[in-house]
Amino acid sequence: AFEYWAHAACVLPLEEWPWFESRRRRFRERRARSDRSTEALRREVLARIADLGPVTAADLGGAKSGNGVWWDWSPLKVAIEQLLASGEVACVERRGWRRVYELTERVVPAELRAQAPPDDLGCAAHLVALAAERLGVGTLGDLADYFRLPMAEARAGIVAAGLTPVVVEGWRQPAWAEPAALAAPPPPARFRPVLLSPFDSLLWDRRRAERTLGFVHRLEAYVPRALREHGYFVMPLLAGGRIRGRVDPVRRGRTLVARRVSVDRAAVPAMARALVEAATWVGCDAVVMEEVVPTELAVPLRAEVGAAGG
């Protein structure tokens, strides 16, 4: 896999490398027009990576500017991120939370790099088709947002990809689907209850999540504690193909503490299973719930968690 800009900084299958060439091309063109100030530093960074091998920004001198503002990058970090955006270096691993940068020719297979670079329309068609496959059905806005394509590119990509226009009951905007998905019988439903990251692709587009799932999702990490409705880092419960609850979790020692749990009555067993499984992700062997909404579900939920091994 490699890390690159999709709808955000995302981990992507390595075979998708060629199809982000249009984005890398845009970054190179933008840099050539507007930012020559770091050109010498970029050459220096490339030379040092060639000599040292895989490195983090810290290995090269540090990512922060030193002015005390945590989001303000140093010139070196700006240069190396420009190289990442344009495809001259690639990131295929992280050390902790730090990106590890390496020359592209050392980590992207030669057969992928040897392909003739797809043109912008080819890239758009591929990415729109991939978005349609993942989403099932989508409006122009849905399909564009999945890989953050400009609307004009997404519109052209829909035509080039041969997507089928469809009408979705209750949707005001036109929609499209992949022809193969419409022709195939629906796959058997296989649902496993799981807590989702608040940044999960299913929920990333908040407007779509509300339109398709009836789920209003807001990240409240930056909301003052007293004004939060659901919690600091809320993880929605996906169960039976629906969002059936929310958890605000924190790890304390070897205990997963659900500071606030909201759950549908019918989804209590699913929430219990999901909580116990989530505890294993972070090396916890116990689950404790502080607040349960509605309150009358606290006793049955705690009993289900105990029965599930938490």
Protein backbone atom coordinates (compact mmCIF):
# COMPACT_ATOMS: atom_id res chain seq x y z
CA ALA A 1 0.00 0.00 0.00
CA PHE A 2 0.99 3.65 -0.25
CA GLU A 3 -0.24 6.83 1.43
CA TYR A 4 -1.50 9.63 -0.76
CA TRP A 5 -4.18 12.30 -1.10
CA ALA A 6 -7.52 10.67 -1.91
CA HIS A 7 -10.46 12.24 -0.01
CA ALA A 8 -7.81 12.99 2.61
CA ALA A 9 -4.43 11.41 3.42
CA CYS A 10 -5.43 7.80 2.78
CA VAL A 11 -3.82 4.36 2.60
CA LEU A 12 -4.36 3.06 -0.94
CA PRO A 13 -3.59 -0.23 -2.73
CA LEU A 14 -0.26 0.05 -4.53
CA GLU A 15 -1.82 -0.97 -7.84
CA GLU A 16 -3.75 2.31 -7.80
CA TRP A 17 -0.49 4.32 -8.06
CA PRO A 18 -0.78 5.05 -11.83
CA TRP A 19 -4.30 6.43 -11.51
CA PHE A 20 -3.27 9.35 -9.34
CA GLU A 21 -0.93 10.67 -12.03
CA SER A 22 -3.36 13.45 -12.95
CA ARG A 23 -3.26 14.65 -9.34
CA ARG A 24 0.54 14.45 -9.21
CA ARG A 25 0.66 16.33 -12.50
CA ARG A 26 -1.52 19.11 -11.08
CA PHE A 27 0.75 19.42 -8.05
CA ARG A 28 3.81 19.67 -10.31
CA GLU A 29 2.17 22.31 -12.52
CA ARG A 30 1.01 24.34 -9.52
CA ARG A 31 4.46 24.20 -7.97
CA ALA A 32 6.09 25.31 -11.21
CA ARG A 33 3.75 28.30 -11.45
CA SER A 34 3.75 29.51 -7.88
CA ASP A 35 6.53 28.12 -5.69
CA ARG A 36 10.14 28.17 -6.83
CA SER A 37 11.39 29.21 -3.41
CA THR A 38 11.98 25.64 -2.20
CA GLU A 39 13.45 24.27 -5.44
CA ALA A 40 17.02 24.09 -4.12
CA LEU A 41 15.84 22.54 -0.86
CA ARG A 42 13.85 19.92 -2.76
CA ARG A 43 16.96 18.92 -4.70
CA GLU A 44 18.90 18.69 -1.43
CA VAL A 45 16.19 16.55 0.19
CA LEU A 46 16.12 14.18 -2.79
CA ALA A 47 19.90 13.81 -2.64
CA ARG A 48 19.82 13.05 1.08
CA ILE A 49 17.05 10.45 0.69
CA ALA A 50 19.02 8.86 -2.16
CA ASP A 51 21.99 8.61 0.20
CA LEU A 52 20.24 7.68 3.46
CA GLY A 53 17.31 5.57 2.30
CA PRO A 54 13.89 5.68 4.03
CA VAL A 55 13.65 8.67 6.38
CA THR A 56 11.16 10.71 8.36
CA ALA A 57 11.12 14.50 8.37
CA ALA A 58 12.61 14.30 11.88
CA ASP A 59 15.57 12.30 10.49
CA LEU A 60 16.26 15.16 8.07
CA GLY A 61 16.03 17.96 10.62
CA GLY A 62 12.47 18.29 11.80
CA ALA A 63 8.96 19.07 10.59
CA LYS A 64 8.15 22.05 12.80
CA SER A 65 9.05 25.64 12.06
CA GLY A 66 10.19 26.39 15.60
CA ASN A 67 7.81 29.31 16.11
CA GLY A 68 5.73 27.39 18.64
CA VAL A 69 2.71 26.88 16.37
CA TRP A 70 2.21 23.12 16.04
CA TRP A 71 0.74 23.18 12.52
CA ASP A 72 3.38 25.50 11.02
CA TRP A 73 5.79 23.37 8.95
CA SER A 74 9.50 23.95 8.58
CA PRO A 75 10.81 24.70 5.04
CA LEU A 76 12.21 21.16 4.97
CA LYS A 77 8.80 19.64 5.74
CA VAL A 78 7.21 21.83 3.06
CA ALA A 79 9.78 20.65 0.52
CA ILE A 80 9.40 16.95 1.33
CA GLU A 81 5.60 17.16 1.24
CA GLN A 82 5.84 18.83 -2.17
CA LEU A 83 7.97 15.90 -3.34
CA LEU A 84 5.37 13.48 -1.99
CA ALA A 85 2.52 15.33 -3.69
CA SER A 86 4.31 15.36 -7.04
CA GLY A 87 5.33 11.69 -6.84
CA GLU A 88 9.10 12.08 -6.62
CA VAL A 89 9.06 10.40 -3.22
CA ALA A 90 6.49 7.98 -1.84
CA CYS A 91 5.27 6.91 1.57
CA VAL A 92 4.62 3.20 2.07
CA GLU A 93 4.98 3.05 5.86
CA ARG A 94 4.82 5.13 9.03
CA ARG A 95 6.95 5.01 12.14
CA GLY A 96 4.47 5.77 14.87
CA TRP A 97 2.59 8.71 13.38
CA ARG A 98 5.50 9.93 11.23
CA ARG A 99 5.51 9.41 7.47
CA VAL A 100 8.52 7.52 6.12
CA TYR A 101 9.68 8.94 2.78
CA GLU A 102 11.62 7.02 0.14
CA LEU A 103 12.50 7.57 -3.52
CA THR A 104 9.57 6.43 -5.62
CA GLU A 105 11.70 4.19 -7.83
CA ARG A 106 12.74 2.19 -4.77
CA VAL A 107 9.26 1.42 -3.44
CA VAL A 108 6.83 1.54 -6.37
CA PRO A 109 7.22 -1.58 -8.55
CA ALA A 110 8.90 -1.05 -11.90
CA GLU A 111 5.91 -2.46 -13.82
CA LEU A 112 3.68 0.28 -12.40
CA ARG A 113 6.20 3.04 -13.08
CA ALA A 114 6.81 1.73 -16.61
CA GLN A 115 3.20 2.20 -17.65
CA ALA A 116 2.51 5.16 -19.91
CA PRO A 117 1.06 7.85 -17.63
CA PRO A 118 -2.74 7.93 -18.01
CA ASP A 119 -4.18 11.21 -19.24
CA ASP A 120 -6.48 13.26 -17.03
CA LEU A 121 -9.65 11.77 -18.50
CA GLY A 122 -8.35 8.23 -18.07
CA CYS A 123 -7.53 8.91 -14.43
CA ALA A 124 -10.93 10.51 -13.82
CA ALA A 125 -12.79 7.60 -15.45
CA HIS A 126 -10.91 5.04 -13.37
CA LEU A 127 -11.37 6.88 -10.08
CA VAL A 128 -15.04 7.61 -10.72
CA ALA A 129 -15.65 3.94 -11.59
CA LEU A 130 -13.85 2.91 -8.41
CA ALA A 131 -15.93 5.34 -6.39
CA ALA A 132 -19.13 3.97 -7.94
CA GLU A 133 -18.05 0.43 -7.12
CA ARG A 134 -17.39 1.36 -3.49
CA LEU A 135 -20.48 3.54 -3.01
CA GLY A 136 -22.95 1.38 -4.90
CA VAL A 137 -24.84 4.40 -6.16
CA GLY A 138 -23.95 8.07 -6.04
CA THR A 139 -24.75 11.57 -7.19
CA LEU A 140 -22.21 13.67 -9.05
CA GLY A 141 -21.21 15.20 -5.73
CA ASP A 142 -20.84 11.77 -4.10
CA LEU A 143 -18.67 10.42 -6.91
CA ALA A 144 -16.52 13.55 -7.04
CA ASP A 145 -16.00 13.72 -3.29
CA TYR A 146 -14.83 10.13 -2.89
CA PHE A 147 -11.45 11.00 -4.42
CA ARG A 148 -11.88 14.79 -4.22
CA LEU A 149 -12.07 15.23 -7.99
CA PRO A 150 -13.02 18.60 -9.49
CA MET A 151 -16.67 18.50 -10.52
CA ALA A 152 -15.85 18.94 -14.22
CA GLU A 153 -13.42 15.99 -14.11
CA ALA A 154 -15.94 13.83 -12.27
CA ARG A 155 -18.67 14.69 -14.77
CA ALA A 156 -16.40 13.74 -17.68
CA GLY A 157 -15.29 10.62 -15.80
CA ILE A 158 -18.89 9.45 -15.37
CA VAL A 159 -19.36 9.50 -19.15
CA ALA A 160 -15.97 7.91 -19.88
CA ALA A 161 -16.53 5.19 -17.28
CA GLY A 162 -19.90 4.28 -18.82
CA LEU A 163 -21.87 4.53 -15.58
CA THR A 164 -25.62 3.97 -15.78
CA PRO A 165 -28.00 6.81 -14.81
CA VAL A 166 -30.44 5.73 -12.10
CA VAL A 167 -33.25 7.29 -10.10
CA VAL A 168 -33.12 6.89 -6.33
CA GLU A 169 -36.35 7.35 -4.42
CA GLY A 170 -36.16 10.41 -2.19
CA TRP A 171 -33.05 11.86 -3.85
CA ARG A 172 -33.45 15.19 -5.59
CA GLN A 173 -30.30 14.91 -7.72
CA PRO A 174 -29.51 12.53 -10.59
CA ALA A 175 -27.46 9.48 -9.66
CA TRP A 176 -25.31 6.83 -11.34
CA ALA A 177 -24.31 3.24 -10.70
CA GLU A 178 -21.87 0.77 -12.18
CA PRO A 179 -23.59 -1.34 -14.86
CA ALA A 180 -22.11 -4.59 -13.53
CA ALA A 181 -23.50 -3.89 -10.07
CA LEU A 182 -27.00 -3.38 -11.50
CA ALA A 183 -26.83 -6.59 -13.51
CA ALA A 184 -25.48 -8.83 -10.73
CA PRO A 185 -27.71 -10.42 -8.10
CA PRO A 186 -27.31 -8.82 -4.68
CA PRO A 187 -24.60 -10.54 -2.64
CA PRO A 188 -25.61 -12.42 0.50
CA ALA A 189 -25.74 -10.14 3.51
CA ARG A 190 -22.84 -10.74 5.87
CA PHE A 191 -22.92 -8.27 8.73
CA ARG A 192 -20.57 -8.14 11.68
CA PRO A 193 -21.14 -5.44 14.29
CA VAL A 194 -18.19 -3.08 14.47
CA LEU A 195 -17.29 0.35 15.81
CA LEU A 196 -16.27 2.68 12.99
CA SER A 197 -13.67 5.39 13.05
CA PRO A 198 -15.35 8.80 12.81
CA PHE A 199 -13.27 9.17 9.62
CA ASP A 200 -14.46 5.92 8.02
CA SER A 201 -15.19 6.18 4.30
CA LEU A 202 -18.82 5.27 4.98
CA LEU A 203 -19.20 8.45 7.02
CA TRP A 204 -16.60 10.78 5.53
CA ASP A 205 -19.13 12.59 3.36
CA ARG A 206 -21.46 13.78 6.11
CA ARG A 207 -24.19 14.90 3.73
CA ARG A 208 -24.27 11.50 2.06
CA ALA A 209 -24.31 9.70 5.43
CA GLU A 210 -27.35 11.72 6.43
CA ARG A 211 -29.06 11.15 3.08
CA THR A 212 -28.41 7.40 2.84
CA LEU A 213 -28.31 6.28 6.48
CA GLY A 214 -30.31 8.98 8.23
CA PHE A 215 -27.26 9.48 10.43
CA VAL A 216 -26.16 12.95 11.51
CA HIS A 217 -22.45 12.74 12.28
CA ARG A 218 -20.29 15.54 13.66
CA LEU A 219 -16.81 15.30 15.11
CA GLU A 220 -16.98 17.04 18.49
CA ALA A 221 -13.28 16.88 19.41
CA TYR A 222 -12.99 20.65 18.89
CA VAL A 223 -16.26 21.46 20.64
CA PRO A 224 -15.97 22.66 24.28
CA ARG A 225 -16.66 19.75 26.64
CA ALA A 226 -19.82 21.32 28.07
CA LEU A 227 -21.34 21.69 24.61
CA ARG A 228 -20.67 18.16 23.33
CA GLU A 229 -23.74 16.07 22.65
CA HIS A 230 -22.14 12.65 22.15
CA GLY A 231 -18.48 12.92 23.22
CA TYR A 232 -14.91 13.68 22.26
CA PHE A 233 -14.03 10.98 19.69
CA VAL A 234 -17.29 9.20 18.96
CA MET A 235 -17.24 5.87 17.12
CA PRO A 236 -20.55 4.92 15.45
CA LEU A 237 -21.80 1.32 15.69
CA LEU A 238 -22.41 -0.36 12.33
CA ALA A 239 -24.71 -3.35 12.76
CA GLY A 240 -27.00 -5.06 10.29
CA GLY A 241 -26.12 -2.56 7.59
CA ARG A 242 -27.31 0.39 9.70
CA ILE A 243 -25.81 2.83 12.18
CA ARG A 244 -27.36 1.66 15.45
CA GLY A 245 -25.45 3.53 18.14
CA ARG A 246 -22.41 5.56 19.21
CA VAL A 247 -19.57 5.17 21.69
CA ASP A 248 -17.14 7.72 23.13
CA PRO A 249 -14.22 5.45 24.17
CA VAL A 250 -10.99 5.97 26.05
CA ARG A 251 -8.33 3.49 27.17
CA ARG A 252 -7.35 3.50 30.84
CA GLY A 253 -4.66 0.95 31.51
CA ARG A 254 -6.03 -2.38 30.31
CA THR A 255 -9.64 -1.21 30.47
CA LEU A 256 -11.66 0.17 27.59
CA VAL A 257 -13.92 2.80 29.12
CA ALA A 258 -17.04 3.75 27.16
CA ARG A 259 -17.63 7.19 28.59
CA ARG A 260 -20.96 7.46 26.84
CA VAL A 261 -22.88 4.80 24.94
CA SER A 262 -25.99 5.51 22.87
CA VAL A 263 -27.68 2.45 21.40
CA ASP A 264 -30.95 1.20 19.93
CA ARG A 265 -32.68 -1.40 22.09
CA ALA A 266 -32.56 -4.04 19.34
CA ALA A 267 -28.81 -3.46 18.88
CA VAL A 268 -27.74 -4.08 22.49
CA PRO A 269 -26.15 -7.51 21.73
CA ALA A 270 -24.39 -6.04 18.68
CA MET A 271 -23.03 -3.13 20.72
CA ALA A 272 -21.72 -5.55 23.35
CA ARG A 273 -19.89 -7.64 20.75
CA ALA A 274 -18.44 -4.55 19.11
CA LEU A 275 -17.20 -3.13 22.43
CA VAL A 276 -15.49 -6.36 23.44
CA GLU A 277 -13.85 -6.67 20.03
CA ALA A 278 -12.72 -3.04 20.11
CA ALA A 279 -11.09 -3.67 23.49
CA THR A 280 -8.87 -6.31 21.89
CA TRP A 281 -7.67 -3.78 19.29
CA VAL A 282 -5.97 -1.73 22.00
CA GLY A 283 -4.80 -4.51 24.29
CA CYS A 284 -7.59 -4.21 26.85
CA ASP A 285 -9.12 -7.16 28.68
CA ALA A 286 -12.04 -5.36 30.34
CA VAL A 287 -14.84 -3.04 29.27
CA VAL A 288 -16.50 -0.48 31.56
CA MET A 289 -19.46 1.72 30.64
CA GLU A 290 -20.03 5.01 32.42
CA GLU A 291 -23.16 6.55 30.84
CA VAL A 292 -25.67 4.60 28.76
CA VAL A 293 -28.44 6.26 26.75
CA PRO A 294 -31.25 5.43 27.21
CA THR A 295 -30.56 4.66 30.87
CA GLU A 296 -32.89 1.64 30.98
CA LEU A 297 -30.54 -0.20 28.61
CA ALA A 298 -27.55 0.06 30.98
CA VAL A 299 -28.29 -3.19 32.84
CA PRO A 300 -28.96 -5.36 29.75
CA LEU A 301 -25.97 -3.88 27.94
CA ARG A 302 -23.62 -4.62 30.85
CA ALA A 303 -24.98 -8.14 31.01
CA GLU A 304 -24.40 -8.65 27.28
CA VAL A 305 -20.85 -7.29 27.58
CA GLY A 306 -20.14 -9.74 30.39
CA ALA A 307 -21.55 -12.62 28.36
CA ALA A 308 -19.41 -11.58 25.39
CA GLY A 309 -16.25 -11.74 27.47
CA GLY A 310 -15.84 -8.11 28.53
